[in-house]
Amino acid sequence: MEVKGGIKFERGIGVFNEFVENIYSKRLQAKLEGNNVLQIVNKLILNSLYGRMGMRNIENKTVIVDKIKLKF
């Protein structure tokens, strides 16, 4: 296996603030209008984001090994 390149991402702060505020306002509006389906869909979107971001961070580790030391 040969590595051709990679990408390094920096941790951001407040990356989803605007998204959450937008979806939450849509949820409140749907709730006020009595549109239960849209209100639940927006709630699910918010809960899914919260669930994903609340997961434990599993750190990947990459090690470069000589072909001679590689075990199959």
Protein backbone atom coordinates (compact mmCIF):
# COMPACT_ATOMS: atom_id res chain seq x y z
CA MET A 1 0.00 0.00 0.00
CA GLU A 2 1.33 3.41 -0.92
CA VAL A 3 0.17 6.68 0.62
CA LYS A 4 -0.39 9.35 -1.99
CA GLY A 5 -1.34 12.24 0.31
CA GLY A 6 -3.41 13.34 3.25
CA ILE A 7 -5.49 16.11 4.76
CA LYS A 8 -5.21 17.60 8.22
CA PHE A 9 -8.28 19.21 9.76
CA GLU A 10 -8.11 21.70 12.59
CA ARG A 11 -10.76 21.61 15.31
CA GLY A 12 -13.22 24.45 14.85
CA ILE A 13 -15.19 26.35 17.46
CA GLY A 14 -18.85 27.19 16.91
CA VAL A 15 -18.94 25.46 13.53
CA PHE A 16 -22.63 24.55 13.77
CA ASN A 17 -23.99 27.58 15.67
CA GLU A 18 -25.69 29.15 12.66
CA PHE A 19 -27.06 25.79 11.50
CA VAL A 20 -28.53 24.99 14.93
CA GLU A 21 -30.08 28.45 15.29
CA ASN A 22 -31.63 28.17 11.82
CA ILE A 23 -33.11 24.71 12.35
CA TYR A 24 -34.31 25.61 15.86
CA SER A 25 -36.12 28.70 14.60
CA LYS A 26 -37.76 26.59 11.87
CA ARG A 27 -38.82 24.09 14.53
CA LEU A 28 -40.37 26.82 16.68
CA GLN A 29 -42.18 28.31 13.68
CA ALA A 30 -43.58 24.90 12.69
CA LYS A 31 -44.68 24.33 16.29
CA LEU A 32 -46.48 27.70 16.39
CA GLU A 33 -48.20 26.92 13.07
CA GLY A 34 -49.31 23.52 14.32
CA ASN A 35 -47.28 21.67 11.69
CA ASN A 36 -46.38 18.65 13.82
CA VAL A 37 -44.63 16.74 11.03
CA LEU A 38 -42.21 19.56 10.20
CA GLN A 39 -41.66 20.26 13.89
CA ILE A 40 -40.68 16.61 14.50
CA VAL A 41 -38.41 16.51 11.45
CA ASN A 42 -36.54 19.59 12.66
CA LYS A 43 -36.30 18.11 16.15
CA LEU A 44 -34.81 14.90 14.71
CA ILE A 45 -32.23 16.92 12.76
CA LEU A 46 -31.17 18.73 15.92
CA ASN A 47 -31.07 15.53 17.99
CA SER A 48 -29.06 13.74 15.30
CA LEU A 49 -26.44 16.48 15.30
CA TYR A 50 -26.31 16.44 19.10
CA GLY A 51 -25.95 12.66 19.12
CA ARG A 52 -23.17 12.72 16.56
CA MET A 53 -21.21 15.49 18.27
CA GLY A 54 -21.72 13.88 21.68
CA MET A 55 -19.96 10.69 20.64
CA ARG A 56 -16.65 9.78 22.18
CA ASN A 57 -13.76 10.91 20.02
CA ILE A 58 -11.90 7.89 18.66
CA GLU A 59 -8.50 8.95 17.51
CA ASN A 60 -7.07 7.31 14.42
CA LYS A 61 -3.42 6.44 14.50
CA THR A 62 -1.34 6.11 11.36
CA VAL A 63 1.99 4.36 11.48
CA ILE A 64 4.47 4.13 8.62
CA VAL A 65 6.11 0.72 8.52
CA ASP A 66 8.85 -0.65 6.28
CA LYS A 67 7.69 -3.40 3.95
CA ILE A 68 10.18 -5.77 5.64
CA LYS A 69 8.50 -5.29 9.07
CA LEU A 70 4.98 -5.55 7.69
CA LYS A 71 3.08 -8.59 8.99
CA PHE A 72 0.15 -9.98 7.04
